[in-house]
Amino acid sequence: PAIKQIKNAFQDASIDIVVAPDSEEFVFENPLFSEYIIL
């Protein structure tokens, strides 16, 4: 919910996320994120 609010507030911004290995499927091809980094 917070990420969606950020995306709505900054529609032109690209959002990248750093996640744990168990979240790879969560971020893979997720339209909220431009890039993702697996920690």
Full PDB file with SEQRES, HELIX, SHEET, SSBOND, CRYST1, ORIGX, SCALE, CONECT and MASTER records, all heavy atoms in Angstrom:
SEQRES   1 A   39  PRO ALA ILE LYS GLN ILE LYS ASN ALA PHE GLN ASP ALA          
SEQRES   2 A   39  SER ILE ASP ILE VAL VAL ALA PRO ASP SER GLU GLU PHE          
SEQRES   3 A   39  VAL PHE GLU ASN PRO LEU PHE SER GLU TYR ILE ILE LEU          
HELIX    1 AA1 ALA A    2  ALA A    9  1                                   8    
HELIX    2 AA2 PRO A   21  SER A   23  5                                   3    
HELIX    3 AA3 GLU A   24  VAL A   27  1                                   4    
SHEET    1 AA1 2 ASP A  16  VAL A  19  0                                        
SHEET    2 AA1 2 GLU A  35  ILE A  38  1                                        
CRYST1    1.000    1.000    1.000  90.00  90.00  90.00 P 1           1          
ORIGX1      1.000000  0.000000  0.000000        0.00000                         
ORIGX2      0.000000  1.000000  0.000000        0.00000                         
ORIGX3      0.000000  0.000000  1.000000        0.00000                         
SCALE1      1.000000  0.000000  0.000000        0.00000                         
SCALE2      0.000000  1.000000  0.000000        0.00000                         
SCALE3      0.000000  0.000000  1.000000        0.00000                         
ATOM      1  N   PRO A   1       0.816  -1.226   0.000  1.00  0.00           N  
ATOM      2  CA  PRO A   1       0.000   0.000   0.000  1.00  0.00           C  
ATOM      3  C   PRO A   1       0.850   1.276   0.000  1.00  0.00           C  
ATOM      4  O   PRO A   1       0.529   2.237  -0.708  1.00  0.00           O  
ATOM      5  CB  PRO A   1      -0.816  -0.114   1.291  1.00  0.00           C  
ATOM      6  CG  PRO A   1      -0.853  -1.572   1.589  1.00  0.00           C  
ATOM      7  CD  PRO A   1       0.458  -2.114   1.108  1.00  0.00           C  
ATOM      8  N   ALA A   2       1.939   1.271   0.744  1.00  0.00           N  
ATOM      9  CA  ALA A   2       2.804   2.459   0.783  1.00  0.00           C  
ATOM     10  C   ALA A   2       3.509   2.660  -0.558  1.00  0.00           C  
ATOM     11  O   ALA A   2       3.632   3.794  -1.038  1.00  0.00           O  
ATOM     12  CB  ALA A   2       3.831   2.319   1.904  1.00  0.00           C  
ATOM     13  N   ILE A   3       3.952   1.576  -1.177  1.00  0.00           N  
ATOM     14  CA  ILE A   3       4.633   1.684  -2.470  1.00  0.00           C  
ATOM     15  C   ILE A   3       3.673   2.206  -3.525  1.00  0.00           C  
ATOM     16  O   ILE A   3       4.042   3.032  -4.367  1.00  0.00           O  
ATOM     17  CB  ILE A   3       5.240   0.325  -2.871  1.00  0.00           C  
ATOM     18  CG1 ILE A   3       6.367  -0.042  -1.909  1.00  0.00           C  
ATOM     19  CG2 ILE A   3       5.758   0.360  -4.304  1.00  0.00           C  
ATOM     20  CD1 ILE A   3       6.871  -1.472  -2.045  1.00  0.00           C  
ATOM     21  N   LYS A   4       2.415   1.769  -3.483  1.00  0.00           N  
ATOM     22  CA  LYS A   4       1.421   2.278  -4.431  1.00  0.00           C  
ATOM     23  C   LYS A   4       1.182   3.773  -4.236  1.00  0.00           C  
ATOM     24  O   LYS A   4       1.022   4.521  -5.208  1.00  0.00           O  
ATOM     25  CB  LYS A   4       0.114   1.505  -4.293  1.00  0.00           C  
ATOM     26  CG  LYS A   4       0.199   0.112  -4.878  1.00  0.00           C  
ATOM     27  CD  LYS A   4      -1.125  -0.608  -4.766  1.00  0.00           C  
ATOM     28  CE  LYS A   4      -1.053  -1.982  -5.406  1.00  0.00           C  
ATOM     29  NZ  LYS A   4      -2.313  -2.715  -5.291  1.00  0.00           N  
ATOM     30  N   GLN A   5       1.167   4.229  -3.004  1.00  0.00           N  
ATOM     31  CA  GLN A   5       1.008   5.661  -2.733  1.00  0.00           C  
ATOM     32  C   GLN A   5       2.203   6.456  -3.254  1.00  0.00           C  
ATOM     33  O   GLN A   5       2.040   7.549  -3.811  1.00  0.00           O  
ATOM     34  CB  GLN A   5       0.833   5.904  -1.232  1.00  0.00           C  
ATOM     35  CG  GLN A   5      -0.491   5.454  -0.692  1.00  0.00           C  
ATOM     36  CD  GLN A   5      -1.638   6.280  -1.250  1.00  0.00           C  
ATOM     37  OE1 GLN A   5      -1.519   7.481  -1.467  1.00  0.00           O  
ATOM     38  NE2 GLN A   5      -2.746   5.628  -1.509  1.00  0.00           N  
ATOM     39  N   ILE A   6       3.384   5.914  -3.073  1.00  0.00           N  
ATOM     40  CA  ILE A   6       4.594   6.575  -3.598  1.00  0.00           C  
ATOM     41  C   ILE A   6       4.522   6.650  -5.112  1.00  0.00           C  
ATOM     42  O   ILE A   6       4.823   7.686  -5.712  1.00  0.00           O  
ATOM     43  CB  ILE A   6       5.860   5.828  -3.134  1.00  0.00           C  
ATOM     44  CG1 ILE A   6       6.042   5.982  -1.619  1.00  0.00           C  
ATOM     45  CG2 ILE A   6       7.096   6.335  -3.878  1.00  0.00           C  
ATOM     46  CD1 ILE A   6       7.099   5.061  -1.032  1.00  0.00           C  
ATOM     47  N   LYS A   7       4.131   5.550  -5.746  1.00  0.00           N  
ATOM     48  CA  LYS A   7       4.027   5.518  -7.213  1.00  0.00           C  
ATOM     49  C   LYS A   7       2.991   6.533  -7.703  1.00  0.00           C  
ATOM     50  O   LYS A   7       3.209   7.209  -8.708  1.00  0.00           O  
ATOM     51  CB  LYS A   7       3.647   4.105  -7.659  1.00  0.00           C  
ATOM     52  CG  LYS A   7       3.652   3.904  -9.147  1.00  0.00           C  
ATOM     53  CD  LYS A   7       5.054   3.961  -9.689  1.00  0.00           C  
ATOM     54  CE  LYS A   7       5.080   3.575 -11.148  1.00  0.00           C  
ATOM     55  NZ  LYS A   7       6.385   3.779 -11.746  1.00  0.00           N  
ATOM     56  N   ASN A   8       1.876   6.668  -7.003  1.00  0.00           N  
ATOM     57  CA  ASN A   8       0.862   7.652  -7.386  1.00  0.00           C  
ATOM     58  C   ASN A   8       1.358   9.083  -7.205  1.00  0.00           C  
ATOM     59  O   ASN A   8       1.041   9.963  -7.996  1.00  0.00           O  
ATOM     60  CB  ASN A   8      -0.420   7.445  -6.590  1.00  0.00           C  
ATOM     61  CG  ASN A   8      -1.174   6.214  -7.030  1.00  0.00           C  
ATOM     62  OD1 ASN A   8      -1.034   5.765  -8.161  1.00  0.00           O  
ATOM     63  ND2 ASN A   8      -1.967   5.659  -6.139  1.00  0.00           N  
ATOM     64  N   ALA A   9       2.132   9.323  -6.170  1.00  0.00           N  
ATOM     65  CA  ALA A   9       2.636  10.665  -5.893  1.00  0.00           C  
ATOM     66  C   ALA A   9       3.739  11.075  -6.864  1.00  0.00           C  
ATOM     67  O   ALA A   9       3.852  12.239  -7.222  1.00  0.00           O  
ATOM     68  CB  ALA A   9       3.141  10.748  -4.458  1.00  0.00           C  
ATOM     69  N   PHE A  10       4.547  10.103  -7.287  1.00  0.00           N  
ATOM     70  CA  PHE A  10       5.687  10.380  -8.179  1.00  0.00           C  
ATOM     71  C   PHE A  10       5.575   9.488  -9.405  1.00  0.00           C  
ATOM     72  O   PHE A  10       6.348   8.559  -9.593  1.00  0.00           O  
ATOM     73  CB  PHE A  10       7.010  10.142  -7.447  1.00  0.00           C  
ATOM     74  CG  PHE A  10       7.181  10.996  -6.235  1.00  0.00           C  
ATOM     75  CD1 PHE A  10       6.924  10.493  -4.977  1.00  0.00           C  
ATOM     76  CD2 PHE A  10       7.576  12.318  -6.354  1.00  0.00           C  
ATOM     77  CE1 PHE A  10       7.075  11.283  -3.849  1.00  0.00           C  
ATOM     78  CE2 PHE A  10       7.722  13.110  -5.233  1.00  0.00           C  
ATOM     79  CZ  PHE A  10       7.467  12.595  -3.985  1.00  0.00           C  
ATOM     80  N   GLN A  11       4.621   9.787 -10.259  1.00  0.00           N  
ATOM     81  CA  GLN A  11       4.324   8.938 -11.411  1.00  0.00           C  
ATOM     82  C   GLN A  11       5.451   8.872 -12.421  1.00  0.00           C  
ATOM     83  O   GLN A  11       5.588   7.883 -13.134  1.00  0.00           O  
ATOM     84  CB  GLN A  11       3.037   9.404 -12.068  1.00  0.00           C  
ATOM     85  CG  GLN A  11       1.844   9.209 -11.173  1.00  0.00           C  
ATOM     86  CD  GLN A  11       0.563   9.724 -11.788  1.00  0.00           C  
ATOM     87  OE1 GLN A  11       0.543  10.194 -12.915  1.00  0.00           O  
ATOM     88  NE2 GLN A  11      -0.517   9.624 -11.031  1.00  0.00           N  
ATOM     89  N   ASP A  12       6.273   9.889 -12.501  1.00  0.00           N  
ATOM     90  CA  ASP A  12       7.376   9.894 -13.462  1.00  0.00           C  
ATOM     91  C   ASP A  12       8.646   9.262 -12.911  1.00  0.00           C  
ATOM     92  O   ASP A  12       9.615   9.077 -13.654  1.00  0.00           O  
ATOM     93  CB  ASP A  12       7.687  11.328 -13.903  1.00  0.00           C  
ATOM     94  CG  ASP A  12       6.526  11.939 -14.673  1.00  0.00           C  
ATOM     95  OD1 ASP A  12       5.750  11.175 -15.286  1.00  0.00           O  
ATOM     96  OD2 ASP A  12       6.386  13.171 -14.657  1.00  0.00           O  
ATOM     97  N   ALA A  13       8.664   8.934 -11.640  1.00  0.00           N  
ATOM     98  CA  ALA A  13       9.859   8.378 -11.015  1.00  0.00           C  
ATOM     99  C   ALA A  13       9.953   6.880 -11.254  1.00  0.00           C  
ATOM    100  O   ALA A  13       8.949   6.183 -11.328  1.00  0.00           O  
ATOM    101  CB  ALA A  13       9.848   8.657  -9.513  1.00  0.00           C  
ATOM    102  N   SER A  14      11.184   6.412 -11.374  1.00  0.00           N  
ATOM    103  CA  SER A  14      11.396   4.966 -11.437  1.00  0.00           C  
ATOM    104  C   SER A  14      11.670   4.478 -10.017  1.00  0.00           C  
ATOM    105  O   SER A  14      12.418   5.107  -9.273  1.00  0.00           O  
ATOM    106  CB  SER A  14      12.554   4.624 -12.365  1.00  0.00           C  
ATOM    107  OG  SER A  14      13.766   5.113 -11.858  1.00  0.00           O  
ATOM    108  N   ILE A  15      11.043   3.368  -9.661  1.00  0.00           N  
ATOM    109  CA  ILE A  15      11.177   2.827  -8.313  1.00  0.00           C  
ATOM    110  C   ILE A  15      11.956   1.528  -8.391  1.00  0.00           C  
ATOM    111  O   ILE A  15      11.568   0.596  -9.104  1.00  0.00           O  
ATOM    112  CB  ILE A  15       9.800   2.585  -7.670  1.00  0.00           C  
ATOM    113  CG1 ILE A  15       9.034   3.900  -7.563  1.00  0.00           C  
ATOM    114  CG2 ILE A  15       9.959   1.935  -6.309  1.00  0.00           C  
ATOM    115  CD1 ILE A  15       7.635   3.761  -7.003  1.00  0.00           C  
ATOM    116  N   ASP A  16      13.062   1.464  -7.677  1.00  0.00           N  
ATOM    117  CA  ASP A  16      13.873   0.263  -7.569  1.00  0.00           C  
ATOM    118  C   ASP A  16      13.723  -0.282  -6.156  1.00  0.00           C  
ATOM    119  O   ASP A  16      13.421   0.466  -5.225  1.00  0.00           O  
ATOM    120  CB  ASP A  16      15.347   0.576  -7.830  1.00  0.00           C  
ATOM    121  CG  ASP A  16      15.591   1.166  -9.211  1.00  0.00           C  
ATOM    122  OD1 ASP A  16      14.711   1.011 -10.082  1.00  0.00           O  
ATOM    123  OD2 ASP A  16      16.645   1.772  -9.410  1.00  0.00           O  
ATOM    124  N   ILE A  17      13.927  -1.593  -6.004  1.00  0.00           N  
ATOM    125  CA  ILE A  17      13.769  -2.205  -4.689  1.00  0.00           C  
ATOM    126  C   ILE A  17      14.873  -3.227  -4.449  1.00  0.00           C  
ATOM    127  O   ILE A  17      15.314  -3.904  -5.369  1.00  0.00           O  
ATOM    128  CB  ILE A  17      12.368  -2.854  -4.547  1.00  0.00           C  
ATOM    129  CG1 ILE A  17      12.133  -3.328  -3.110  1.00  0.00           C  
ATOM    130  CG2 ILE A  17      12.166  -3.959  -5.549  1.00  0.00           C  
ATOM    131  CD1 ILE A  17      10.686  -3.690  -2.805  1.00  0.00           C  
ATOM    132  N   VAL A  18      15.316  -3.291  -3.211  1.00  0.00           N  
ATOM    133  CA  VAL A  18      16.278  -4.292  -2.758  1.00  0.00           C  
ATOM    134  C   VAL A  18      15.497  -5.282  -1.898  1.00  0.00           C  
ATOM    135  O   VAL A  18      14.797  -4.869  -0.974  1.00  0.00           O  
ATOM    136  CB  VAL A  18      17.409  -3.647  -1.923  1.00  0.00           C  
ATOM    137  CG1 VAL A  18      18.363  -4.703  -1.409  1.00  0.00           C  
ATOM    138  CG2 VAL A  18      18.140  -2.593  -2.733  1.00  0.00           C  
ATOM    139  N   VAL A  19      15.611  -6.579  -2.225  1.00  0.00           N  
ATOM    140  CA  VAL A  19      14.836  -7.587  -1.509  1.00  0.00           C  
ATOM    141  C   VAL A  19      15.694  -8.795  -1.144  1.00  0.00           C  
ATOM    142  O   VAL A  19      16.767  -9.001  -1.700  1.00  0.00           O  
ATOM    143  CB  VAL A  19      13.627  -8.071  -2.340  1.00  0.00           C  
ATOM    144  CG1 VAL A  19      12.633  -6.958  -2.554  1.00  0.00           C  
ATOM    145  CG2 VAL A  19      14.056  -8.673  -3.650  1.00  0.00           C  
ATOM    146  N   ALA A  20      15.166  -9.588  -0.243  1.00  0.00           N  
ATOM    147  CA  ALA A  20      15.798 -10.847   0.144  1.00  0.00           C  
ATOM    148  C   ALA A  20      15.544 -11.890  -0.955  1.00  0.00           C  
ATOM    149  O   ALA A  20      14.632 -11.730  -1.768  1.00  0.00           O  
ATOM    150  CB  ALA A  20      15.223 -11.330   1.471  1.00  0.00           C  
ATOM    151  N   PRO A  21      16.344 -12.960  -0.989  1.00  0.00           N  
ATOM    152  CA  PRO A  21      16.185 -13.973  -2.041  1.00  0.00           C  
ATOM    153  C   PRO A  21      14.792 -14.598  -2.119  1.00  0.00           C  
ATOM    154  O   PRO A  21      14.345 -14.961  -3.200  1.00  0.00           O  
ATOM    155  CB  PRO A  21      17.224 -15.030  -1.672  1.00  0.00           C  
ATOM    156  CG  PRO A  21      18.260 -14.298  -0.899  1.00  0.00           C  
ATOM    157  CD  PRO A  21      17.519 -13.227  -0.153  1.00  0.00           C  
ATOM    158  N   ASP A  22      14.075 -14.687  -1.019  1.00  0.00           N  
ATOM    159  CA  ASP A  22      12.743 -15.299  -1.064  1.00  0.00           C  
ATOM    160  C   ASP A  22      11.697 -14.406  -1.730  1.00  0.00           C  
ATOM    161  O   ASP A  22      10.568 -14.822  -1.949  1.00  0.00           O  
ATOM    162  CB  ASP A  22      12.275 -15.704   0.338  1.00  0.00           C  
ATOM    163  CG  ASP A  22      11.961 -14.518   1.231  1.00  0.00           C  
ATOM    164  OD1 ASP A  22      12.424 -13.397   0.928  1.00  0.00           O  
ATOM    165  OD2 ASP A  22      11.263 -14.704   2.237  1.00  0.00           O  
ATOM    166  N   SER A  23      12.065 -13.177  -2.079  1.00  0.00           N  
ATOM    167  CA  SER A  23      11.123 -12.236  -2.692  1.00  0.00           C  
ATOM    168  C   SER A  23      11.316 -12.074  -4.190  1.00  0.00           C  
ATOM    169  O   SER A  23      10.694 -11.215  -4.800  1.00  0.00           O  
ATOM    170  CB  SER A  23      11.268 -10.861  -2.035  1.00  0.00           C  
ATOM    171  OG  SER A  23      10.925 -10.926  -0.684  1.00  0.00           O  
ATOM    172  N   GLU A  24      12.157 -12.901  -4.777  1.00  0.00           N  
ATOM    173  CA  GLU A  24      12.442 -12.736  -6.205  1.00  0.00           C  
ATOM    174  C   GLU A  24      11.179 -12.852  -7.054  1.00  0.00           C  
ATOM    175  O   GLU A  24      10.959 -12.060  -7.967  1.00  0.00           O  
ATOM    176  CB  GLU A  24      13.478 -13.756  -6.663  1.00  0.00           C  
ATOM    177  CG  GLU A  24      13.906 -13.544  -8.093  1.00  0.00           C  
ATOM    178  CD  GLU A  24      15.088 -14.397  -8.496  1.00  0.00           C  
ATOM    179  OE1 GLU A  24      15.588 -15.181  -7.682  1.00  0.00           O  
ATOM    180  OE2 GLU A  24      15.506 -14.260  -9.654  1.00  0.00           O  
ATOM    181  N   GLU A  25      10.320 -13.799  -6.767  1.00  0.00           N  
ATOM    182  CA  GLU A  25       9.087 -13.950  -7.543  1.00  0.00           C  
ATOM    183  C   GLU A  25       8.136 -12.774  -7.322  1.00  0.00           C  
ATOM    184  O   GLU A  25       7.360 -12.422  -8.208  1.00  0.00           O  
ATOM    185  CB  GLU A  25       8.398 -15.255  -7.193  1.00  0.00           C  
ATOM    186  CG  GLU A  25       9.154 -16.468  -7.693  1.00  0.00           C  
ATOM    187  CD  GLU A  25       8.427 -17.760  -7.399  1.00  0.00           C  
ATOM    188  OE1 GLU A  25       7.194 -17.729  -7.259  1.00  0.00           O  
ATOM    189  OE2 GLU A  25       9.108 -18.787  -7.302  1.00  0.00           O  
ATOM    190  N   PHE A  26       8.194 -12.166  -6.151  1.00  0.00           N  
ATOM    191  CA  PHE A  26       7.352 -11.008  -5.840  1.00  0.00           C  
ATOM    192  C   PHE A  26       7.703  -9.809  -6.721  1.00  0.00           C  
ATOM    193  O   PHE A  26       6.821  -9.093  -7.186  1.00  0.00           O  
ATOM    194  CB  PHE A  26       7.513 -10.646  -4.361  1.00  0.00           C  
ATOM    195  CG  PHE A  26       6.970  -9.304  -3.983  1.00  0.00           C  
ATOM    196  CD1 PHE A  26       5.609  -9.093  -3.907  1.00  0.00           C  
ATOM    197  CD2 PHE A  26       7.827  -8.265  -3.702  1.00  0.00           C  
ATOM    198  CE1 PHE A  26       5.109  -7.852  -3.554  1.00  0.00           C  
ATOM    199  CE2 PHE A  26       7.335  -7.022  -3.343  1.00  0.00           C  
ATOM    200  CZ  PHE A  26       5.971  -6.816  -3.277  1.00  0.00           C  
ATOM    201  N   VAL A  27       8.974  -9.600  -6.966  1.00  0.00           N  
ATOM    202  CA  VAL A  27       9.388  -8.419  -7.719  1.00  0.00           C  
ATOM    203  C   VAL A  27       9.568  -8.677  -9.207  1.00  0.00           C  
ATOM    204  O   VAL A  27       9.546  -7.750 -10.005  1.00  0.00           O  
ATOM    205  CB  VAL A  27      10.692  -7.810  -7.144  1.00  0.00           C  
ATOM    206  CG1 VAL A  27      10.459  -7.278  -5.758  1.00  0.00           C  
ATOM    207  CG2 VAL A  27      11.832  -8.799  -7.155  1.00  0.00           C  
ATOM    208  N   PHE A  28       9.724  -9.944  -9.599  1.00  0.00           N  
ATOM    209  CA  PHE A  28       9.942 -10.287 -11.000  1.00  0.00           C  
ATOM    210  C   PHE A  28       8.730  -9.887 -11.830  1.00  0.00           C  
ATOM    211  O   PHE A  28       7.608 -10.312 -11.570  1.00  0.00           O  
ATOM    212  CB  PHE A  28      10.221 -11.782 -11.148  1.00  0.00           C  
ATOM    213  CG  PHE A  28      10.510 -12.201 -12.552  1.00  0.00           C  
ATOM    214  CD1 PHE A  28      11.698 -11.833 -13.157  1.00  0.00           C  
ATOM    215  CD2 PHE A  28       9.593 -12.932 -13.274  1.00  0.00           C  
ATOM    216  CE1 PHE A  28      11.982 -12.209 -14.460  1.00  0.00           C  
ATOM    217  CE2 PHE A  28       9.861 -13.315 -14.573  1.00  0.00           C  
ATOM    218  CZ  PHE A  28      11.053 -12.953 -15.169  1.00  0.00           C  
ATOM    219  N   GLU A  29       8.940  -9.019 -12.803  1.00  0.00           N  
ATOM    220  CA  GLU A  29       7.894  -8.489 -13.689  1.00  0.00           C  
ATOM    221  C   GLU A  29       6.770  -7.772 -12.946  1.00  0.00           C  
ATOM    222  O   GLU A  29       5.642  -7.700 -13.425  1.00  0.00           O  
ATOM    223  CB  GLU A  29       7.335  -9.600 -14.585  1.00  0.00           C  
ATOM    224  CG  GLU A  29       8.355 -10.129 -15.559  1.00  0.00           C  
ATOM    225  CD  GLU A  29       7.785 -11.147 -16.537  1.00  0.00           C  
ATOM    226  OE1 GLU A  29       6.574 -11.423 -16.493  1.00  0.00           O  
ATOM    227  OE2 GLU A  29       8.568 -11.648 -17.335  1.00  0.00           O  
ATOM    228  N   ASN A  30       7.050  -7.247 -11.772  1.00  0.00           N  
ATOM    229  CA  ASN A  30       6.068  -6.453 -11.033  1.00  0.00           C  
ATOM    230  C   ASN A  30       6.081  -5.041 -11.616  1.00  0.00           C  
ATOM    231  O   ASN A  30       7.129  -4.388 -11.639  1.00  0.00           O  
ATOM    232  CB  ASN A  30       6.428  -6.435  -9.543  1.00  0.00           C  
ATOM    233  CG  ASN A  30       5.353  -5.818  -8.690  1.00  0.00           C  
ATOM    234  OD1 ASN A  30       4.684  -4.878  -9.098  1.00  0.00           O  
ATOM    235  ND2 ASN A  30       5.195  -6.336  -7.490  1.00  0.00           N  
ATOM    236  N   PRO A  31       4.950  -4.529 -12.086  1.00  0.00           N  
ATOM    237  CA  PRO A  31       4.927  -3.220 -12.744  1.00  0.00           C  
ATOM    238  C   PRO A  31       5.238  -2.039 -11.819  1.00  0.00           C  
ATOM    239  O   PRO A  31       5.490  -0.930 -12.303  1.00  0.00           O  
ATOM    240  CB  PRO A  31       3.508  -3.121 -13.291  1.00  0.00           C  
ATOM    241  CG  PRO A  31       2.707  -4.051 -12.454  1.00  0.00           C  
ATOM    242  CD  PRO A  31       3.631  -5.155 -12.041  1.00  0.00           C  
ATOM    243  N   LEU A  32       5.253  -2.259 -10.521  1.00  0.00           N  
ATOM    244  CA  LEU A  32       5.581  -1.165  -9.604  1.00  0.00           C  
ATOM    245  C   LEU A  32       7.060  -0.803  -9.632  1.00  0.00           C  
ATOM    246  O   LEU A  32       7.434   0.314  -9.292  1.00  0.00           O  
ATOM    247  CB  LEU A  32       5.193  -1.543  -8.170  1.00  0.00           C  
ATOM    248  CG  LEU A  32       3.707  -1.651  -7.868  1.00  0.00           C  
ATOM    249  CD1 LEU A  32       3.511  -2.195  -6.461  1.00  0.00           C  
ATOM    250  CD2 LEU A  32       3.045  -0.297  -8.016  1.00  0.00           C  
ATOM    251  N   PHE A  33       7.900  -1.753 -10.033  1.00  0.00           N  
ATOM    252  CA  PHE A  33       9.345  -1.562  -9.922  1.00  0.00           C  
ATOM    253  C   PHE A  33      10.027  -1.524 -11.284  1.00  0.00           C  
ATOM    254  O   PHE A  33       9.728  -2.311 -12.171  1.00  0.00           O  
ATOM    255  CB  PHE A  33       9.960  -2.678  -9.077  1.00  0.00           C  
ATOM    256  CG  PHE A  33       9.263  -2.880  -7.775  1.00  0.00           C  
ATOM    257  CD1 PHE A  33       8.577  -4.046  -7.507  1.00  0.00           C  
ATOM    258  CD2 PHE A  33       9.261  -1.882  -6.818  1.00  0.00           C  
ATOM    259  CE1 PHE A  33       7.910  -4.226  -6.293  1.00  0.00           C  
ATOM    260  CE2 PHE A  33       8.598  -2.047  -5.613  1.00  0.00           C  
ATOM    261  CZ  PHE A  33       7.924  -3.220  -5.355  1.00  0.00           C  
ATOM    262  N   SER A  34      10.978  -0.612 -11.415  1.00  0.00           N  
ATOM    263  CA  SER A  34      11.775  -0.531 -12.629  1.00  0.00           C  
ATOM    264  C   SER A  34      12.901  -1.564 -12.604  1.00  0.00           C  
ATOM    265  O   SER A  34      13.187  -2.214 -13.588  1.00  0.00           O  
ATOM    266  CB  SER A  34      12.386   0.863 -12.782  1.00  0.00           C  
ATOM    267  OG  SER A  34      11.374   1.823 -12.848  1.00  0.00           O  
ATOM    268  N   GLU A  35      13.534  -1.677 -11.458  1.00  0.00           N  
ATOM    269  CA  GLU A  35      14.642  -2.618 -11.283  1.00  0.00           C  
ATOM    270  C   GLU A  35      14.506  -3.255  -9.905  1.00  0.00           C  
ATOM    271  O   GLU A  35      13.880  -2.692  -9.007  1.00  0.00           O  
ATOM    272  CB  GLU A  35      15.991  -1.886 -11.333  1.00  0.00           C  
ATOM    273  CG  GLU A  35      16.301  -1.218 -12.641  1.00  0.00           C  
ATOM    274  CD  GLU A  35      16.715  -2.177 -13.728  1.00  0.00           C  
ATOM    275  OE1 GLU A  35      17.266  -3.257 -13.399  1.00  0.00           O  
ATOM    276  OE2 GLU A  35      16.467  -1.868 -14.897  1.00  0.00           O  
ATOM    277  N   TYR A  36      15.106  -4.409  -9.740  1.00  0.00           N  
ATOM    278  CA  TYR A  36      15.165  -5.028  -8.419  1.00  0.00           C  
ATOM    279  C   TYR A  36      16.545  -5.623  -8.198  1.00  0.00           C  
ATOM    280  O   TYR A  36      17.227  -6.009  -9.138  1.00  0.00           O  
ATOM    281  CB  TYR A  36      14.074  -6.082  -8.227  1.00  0.00           C  
ATOM    282  CG  TYR A  36      14.167  -7.271  -9.145  1.00  0.00           C  
ATOM    283  CD1 TYR A  36      14.875  -8.406  -8.756  1.00  0.00           C  
ATOM    284  CD2 TYR A  36      13.526  -7.279 -10.364  1.00  0.00           C  
ATOM    285  CE1 TYR A  36      14.962  -9.501  -9.593  1.00  0.00           C  
ATOM    286  CE2 TYR A  36      13.597  -8.372 -11.204  1.00  0.00           C  
ATOM    287  CZ  TYR A  36      14.313  -9.478 -10.809  1.00  0.00           C  
ATOM    288  OH  TYR A  36      14.393 -10.562 -11.634  1.00  0.00           O  
ATOM    289  N   ILE A  37      16.945  -5.631  -6.950  1.00  0.00           N  
ATOM    290  CA  ILE A  37      18.252  -6.138  -6.553  1.00  0.00           C  
ATOM    291  C   ILE A  37      18.012  -7.212  -5.490  1.00  0.00           C  
ATOM    292  O   ILE A  37      17.327  -6.962  -4.506  1.00  0.00           O  
ATOM    293  CB  ILE A  37      19.130  -5.010  -5.973  1.00  0.00           C  
ATOM    294  CG1 ILE A  37      19.292  -3.912  -7.036  1.00  0.00           C  
ATOM    295  CG2 ILE A  37      20.474  -5.547  -5.504  1.00  0.00           C  
ATOM    296  CD1 ILE A  37      19.651  -2.573  -6.477  1.00  0.00           C  
ATOM    297  N   ILE A  38      18.549  -8.409  -5.724  1.00  0.00           N  
ATOM    298  CA  ILE A  38      18.410  -9.494  -4.767  1.00  0.00           C  
ATOM    299  C   ILE A  38      19.629  -9.434  -3.845  1.00  0.00           C  
ATOM    300  O   ILE A  38      20.766  -9.543  -4.274  1.00  0.00           O  
ATOM    301  CB  ILE A  38      18.353 -10.871  -5.474  1.00  0.00           C  
ATOM    302  CG1 ILE A  38      17.252 -10.891  -6.528  1.00  0.00           C  
ATOM    303  CG2 ILE A  38      18.185 -11.979  -4.458  1.00  0.00           C  
ATOM    304  CD1 ILE A  38      15.862 -10.703  -5.996  1.00  0.00           C  
ATOM    305  N   LEU A  39      19.366  -9.284  -2.573  1.00  0.00           N  
ATOM    306  CA  LEU A  39      20.438  -9.184  -1.577  1.00  0.00           C  
ATOM    307  C   LEU A  39      20.809 -10.584  -1.099  1.00  0.00           C  
ATOM    308  O   LEU A  39      19.950 -11.359  -0.700  1.00  0.00           O  
ATOM    309  CB  LEU A  39      19.946  -8.345  -0.389  1.00  0.00           C  
ATOM    310  CG  LEU A  39      20.965  -7.969   0.661  1.00  0.00           C  
ATOM    311  CD1 LEU A  39      22.048  -7.095   0.047  1.00  0.00           C  
ATOM    312  CD2 LEU A  39      20.304  -7.264   1.796  1.00  0.00           C  
TER     313      LEU A  39                                                      
MASTER        0    0    0    3    2    0    0    6  312    1    0    3          
END                                                                             
